Amino acid sequence: MEDLFAGIIEQIFANLLLVPIGFVYLWLRFRNRVRVKQTLAKEYENSYSNAGSVIVANTIAALGALAIGSFVILAIVVQIRGWLRN
């Protein structure tokens, strides 16, 4: 029963969030019906949900890398400021 409920929630999540993201991304990127269909078939297995999940995962990864880079730069700047004050 839990597997059924998890599958239903997964499909709802995919249909409400990932499909629109994948659709908008592909249409903004290619703006050509033929190119969108080709890319969707070739790279995303004919699923806007797959395209949306790739976009969401890449965005989260980029934000994580940006956050880590910011923390590293902040640590270096704080250390240099400490050296200059002494």
N, C-alpha and C. Protein backbone atom coordinates (compact mmCIF):
# COMPACT_ATOMS: atom_id res chain seq x y z
N MET A 1 0.81 -1.20 0.00
CA MET A 1 0.00 0.00 0.00
C MET A 1 0.86 1.26 0.00
N GLU A 2 1.97 1.20 0.75
CA GLU A 2 2.86 2.36 0.79
C GLU A 2 3.49 2.62 -0.57
N ASP A 3 3.83 1.55 -1.29
CA ASP A 3 4.42 1.70 -2.62
C ASP A 3 3.44 2.37 -3.58
N LEU A 4 2.20 2.00 -3.48
CA LEU A 4 1.17 2.62 -4.32
C LEU A 4 1.05 4.10 -4.01
N PHE A 5 1.01 4.42 -2.72
CA PHE A 5 0.89 5.82 -2.31
C PHE A 5 2.12 6.63 -2.75
N ALA A 6 3.31 6.03 -2.60
CA ALA A 6 4.54 6.71 -3.02
C ALA A 6 4.54 6.94 -4.53
N GLY A 7 4.07 5.95 -5.30
CA GLY A 7 4.00 6.10 -6.75
C GLY A 7 3.04 7.18 -7.17
N ILE A 8 1.91 7.28 -6.47
CA ILE A 8 0.93 8.33 -6.78
C ILE A 8 1.51 9.71 -6.48
N ILE A 9 2.16 9.85 -5.33
CA ILE A 9 2.76 11.14 -4.96
C ILE A 9 3.86 11.52 -5.95
N GLU A 10 4.64 10.53 -6.38
CA GLU A 10 5.71 10.80 -7.36
C GLU A 10 5.14 11.30 -8.68
N GLN A 11 4.06 10.69 -9.14
CA GLN A 11 3.44 11.11 -10.39
C GLN A 11 2.82 12.50 -10.27
N ILE A 12 2.22 12.78 -9.15
CA ILE A 12 1.65 14.12 -8.93
C ILE A 12 2.76 15.16 -8.94
N PHE A 13 3.86 14.88 -8.24
CA PHE A 13 4.99 15.79 -8.21
C PHE A 13 5.54 16.02 -9.62
N ALA A 14 5.70 14.94 -10.37
CA ALA A 14 6.24 15.05 -11.72
C ALA A 14 5.32 15.85 -12.62
N ASN A 15 4.03 15.61 -12.52
CA ASN A 15 3.09 16.29 -13.41
C ASN A 15 2.88 17.75 -13.04
N LEU A 16 2.93 18.08 -11.78
CA LEU A 16 2.67 19.47 -11.38
C LEU A 16 3.90 20.35 -11.43
N LEU A 17 5.08 19.78 -11.27
CA LEU A 17 6.27 20.61 -11.20
C LEU A 17 7.25 20.37 -12.35
N LEU A 18 7.62 19.14 -12.58
CA LEU A 18 8.69 18.86 -13.53
C LEU A 18 8.26 18.99 -14.99
N VAL A 19 7.04 18.60 -15.31
CA VAL A 19 6.58 18.69 -16.70
C VAL A 19 6.55 20.14 -17.18
N PRO A 20 5.97 21.08 -16.42
CA PRO A 20 5.99 22.47 -16.89
C PRO A 20 7.40 23.05 -17.01
N ILE A 21 8.28 22.68 -16.08
CA ILE A 21 9.66 23.17 -16.15
C ILE A 21 10.35 22.65 -17.40
N GLY A 22 10.20 21.36 -17.68
CA GLY A 22 10.81 20.77 -18.88
C GLY A 22 10.23 21.35 -20.15
N PHE A 23 8.92 21.54 -20.19
CA PHE A 23 8.27 22.10 -21.37
C PHE A 23 8.76 23.52 -21.64
N VAL A 24 8.74 24.36 -20.63
CA VAL A 24 9.16 25.76 -20.80
C VAL A 24 10.63 25.84 -21.18
N TYR A 25 11.47 25.03 -20.54
CA TYR A 25 12.89 25.05 -20.85
C TYR A 25 13.15 24.70 -22.31
N LEU A 26 12.55 23.61 -22.79
CA LEU A 26 12.79 23.19 -24.18
C LEU A 26 12.25 24.20 -25.18
N TRP A 27 11.08 24.77 -24.92
CA TRP A 27 10.52 25.73 -25.86
C TRP A 27 11.29 27.05 -25.84
N LEU A 28 11.80 27.46 -24.69
CA LEU A 28 12.61 28.69 -24.65
C LEU A 28 13.98 28.47 -25.28
N ARG A 29 14.51 27.28 -25.14
CA ARG A 29 15.83 27.01 -25.69
C ARG A 29 15.82 26.84 -27.20
N PHE A 30 14.86 26.10 -27.75
CA PHE A 30 14.88 25.79 -29.17
C PHE A 30 13.90 26.59 -30.00
N ARG A 31 12.74 26.91 -29.48
CA ARG A 31 11.72 27.72 -30.17
C ARG A 31 11.37 27.20 -31.56
N ASN A 32 11.45 25.91 -31.72
CA ASN A 32 11.15 25.27 -32.99
C ASN A 32 10.56 23.90 -32.67
N ARG A 33 9.37 23.65 -33.17
CA ARG A 33 8.64 22.42 -32.83
C ARG A 33 9.45 21.17 -33.20
N VAL A 34 10.10 21.18 -34.34
CA VAL A 34 10.85 20.01 -34.79
C VAL A 34 12.06 19.78 -33.89
N ARG A 35 12.79 20.83 -33.59
CA ARG A 35 13.97 20.70 -32.71
C ARG A 35 13.58 20.24 -31.32
N VAL A 36 12.46 20.76 -30.81
CA VAL A 36 12.00 20.35 -29.48
C VAL A 36 11.68 18.86 -29.49
N LYS A 37 10.95 18.39 -30.51
CA LYS A 37 10.60 16.97 -30.59
C LYS A 37 11.84 16.09 -30.72
N GLN A 38 12.82 16.53 -31.54
CA GLN A 38 14.04 15.76 -31.71
C GLN A 38 14.83 15.67 -30.41
N THR A 39 14.98 16.79 -29.74
CA THR A 39 15.73 16.82 -28.49
C THR A 39 15.02 16.02 -27.41
N LEU A 40 13.71 16.16 -27.36
CA LEU A 40 12.93 15.42 -26.37
C LEU A 40 13.09 13.91 -26.58
N ALA A 41 13.07 13.47 -27.83
CA ALA A 41 13.21 12.04 -28.12
C ALA A 41 14.64 11.56 -27.89
N LYS A 42 15.62 12.36 -28.28
CA LYS A 42 17.01 11.93 -28.23
C LYS A 42 17.59 11.97 -26.82
N GLU A 43 17.34 13.04 -26.08
CA GLU A 43 18.01 13.23 -24.80
C GLU A 43 17.14 12.93 -23.59
N TYR A 44 15.82 13.04 -23.71
CA TYR A 44 14.96 12.95 -22.54
C TYR A 44 13.90 11.85 -22.63
N GLU A 45 14.09 10.89 -23.51
CA GLU A 45 13.20 9.74 -23.65
C GLU A 45 11.73 10.14 -23.82
N ASN A 46 11.48 11.15 -24.62
CA ASN A 46 10.13 11.65 -24.90
C ASN A 46 9.35 12.02 -23.65
N SER A 47 10.03 12.57 -22.66
CA SER A 47 9.37 12.91 -21.41
C SER A 47 9.77 14.32 -20.97
N TYR A 48 8.79 15.21 -20.90
CA TYR A 48 9.05 16.54 -20.37
C TYR A 48 9.42 16.46 -18.90
N SER A 49 8.94 15.44 -18.22
CA SER A 49 9.28 15.24 -16.81
C SER A 49 10.78 14.97 -16.65
N ASN A 50 11.34 14.16 -17.54
CA ASN A 50 12.78 13.89 -17.50
C ASN A 50 13.57 15.17 -17.76
N ALA A 51 13.13 15.96 -18.72
CA ALA A 51 13.81 17.24 -19.00
C ALA A 51 13.73 18.15 -17.79
N GLY A 52 12.57 18.22 -17.17
CA GLY A 52 12.42 19.06 -15.98
C GLY A 52 13.28 18.60 -14.83
N SER A 53 13.38 17.29 -14.63
CA SER A 53 14.21 16.79 -13.53
C SER A 53 15.69 17.07 -13.77
N VAL A 54 16.12 17.01 -15.02
CA VAL A 54 17.51 17.35 -15.34
C VAL A 54 17.77 18.83 -15.04
N ILE A 55 16.84 19.69 -15.42
CA ILE A 55 17.01 21.12 -15.18
C ILE A 55 17.03 21.42 -13.69
N VAL A 56 16.12 20.81 -12.94
CA VAL A 56 16.08 21.04 -11.49
C VAL A 56 17.37 20.54 -10.84
N ALA A 57 17.84 19.36 -11.22
CA ALA A 57 19.07 18.80 -10.63
C ALA A 57 20.27 19.67 -10.97
N ASN A 58 20.37 20.13 -12.22
CA ASN A 58 21.49 21.00 -12.60
C ASN A 58 21.45 22.33 -11.87
N THR A 59 20.26 22.87 -11.68
CA THR A 59 20.12 24.14 -10.96
C THR A 59 20.54 23.99 -9.51
N ILE A 60 20.11 22.91 -8.87
CA ILE A 60 20.49 22.67 -7.48
C ILE A 60 22.00 22.47 -7.36
N ALA A 61 22.59 21.75 -8.29
CA ALA A 61 24.04 21.53 -8.28
C ALA A 61 24.79 22.85 -8.47
N ALA A 62 24.32 23.69 -9.37
CA ALA A 62 24.97 24.98 -9.61
C ALA A 62 24.86 25.88 -8.38
N LEU A 63 23.70 25.90 -7.74
CA LEU A 63 23.54 26.71 -6.53
C LEU A 63 24.41 26.18 -5.39
N GLY A 64 24.54 24.87 -5.29
CA GLY A 64 25.43 24.29 -4.27
C GLY A 64 26.88 24.64 -4.52
N ALA A 65 27.31 24.56 -5.77
CA ALA A 65 28.69 24.94 -6.10
C ALA A 65 28.94 26.41 -5.83
N LEU A 66 27.96 27.24 -6.13
CA LEU A 66 28.08 28.67 -5.86
C LEU A 66 28.17 28.94 -4.36
N ALA A 67 27.38 28.24 -3.57
CA ALA A 67 27.42 28.42 -2.12
C ALA A 67 28.76 27.98 -1.54
N ILE A 68 29.27 26.84 -1.98
CA ILE A 68 30.56 26.35 -1.49
C ILE A 68 31.67 27.31 -1.90
N GLY A 69 31.64 27.77 -3.14
CA GLY A 69 32.64 28.73 -3.60
C GLY A 69 32.59 30.03 -2.81
N SER A 70 31.40 30.47 -2.48
CA SER A 70 31.25 31.69 -1.70
C SER A 70 31.83 31.52 -0.30
N PHE A 71 31.58 30.35 0.31
CA PHE A 71 32.13 30.09 1.64
C PHE A 71 33.65 30.03 1.61
N VAL A 72 34.23 29.45 0.58
CA VAL A 72 35.68 29.38 0.47
C VAL A 72 36.26 30.78 0.32
N ILE A 73 35.67 31.60 -0.54
CA ILE A 73 36.15 32.97 -0.72
C ILE A 73 35.99 33.77 0.57
N LEU A 74 34.87 33.60 1.26
CA LEU A 74 34.66 34.28 2.54
C LEU A 74 35.71 33.87 3.56
N ALA A 75 36.03 32.60 3.63
CA ALA A 75 37.05 32.13 4.58
C ALA A 75 38.42 32.73 4.26
N ILE A 76 38.75 32.82 2.99
CA ILE A 76 40.03 33.41 2.60
C ILE A 76 40.07 34.89 2.93
N VAL A 77 38.99 35.60 2.64
CA VAL A 77 38.95 37.05 2.91
C VAL A 77 39.03 37.32 4.41
N VAL A 78 38.33 36.55 5.21
CA VAL A 78 38.37 36.74 6.66
C VAL A 78 39.78 36.48 7.19
N GLN A 79 40.44 35.46 6.68
CA GLN A 79 41.81 35.16 7.11
C GLN A 79 42.77 36.28 6.73
N ILE A 80 42.64 36.79 5.51
CA ILE A 80 43.52 37.88 5.06
C ILE A 80 43.28 39.14 5.88
N ARG A 81 42.02 39.46 6.18
CA ARG A 81 41.71 40.62 7.01
C ARG A 81 42.29 40.47 8.40
N GLY A 82 42.29 39.26 8.94
CA GLY A 82 42.88 39.00 10.25
C GLY A 82 44.39 39.22 10.23
N TRP A 83 45.05 38.81 9.16
CA TRP A 83 46.49 39.02 9.04
C TRP A 83 46.83 40.50 8.91
N LEU A 84 46.02 41.25 8.18
CA LEU A 84 46.31 42.66 7.96
C LEU A 84 46.09 43.50 9.22
N ARG A 85 45.19 43.07 10.09
CA ARG A 85 44.95 43.81 11.33
C ARG A 85 46.07 43.63 12.32
N ASN A 86 46.80 42.54 12.26
CA ASN A 86 47.88 42.28 13.23
C ASN A 86 49.16 42.84 12.78
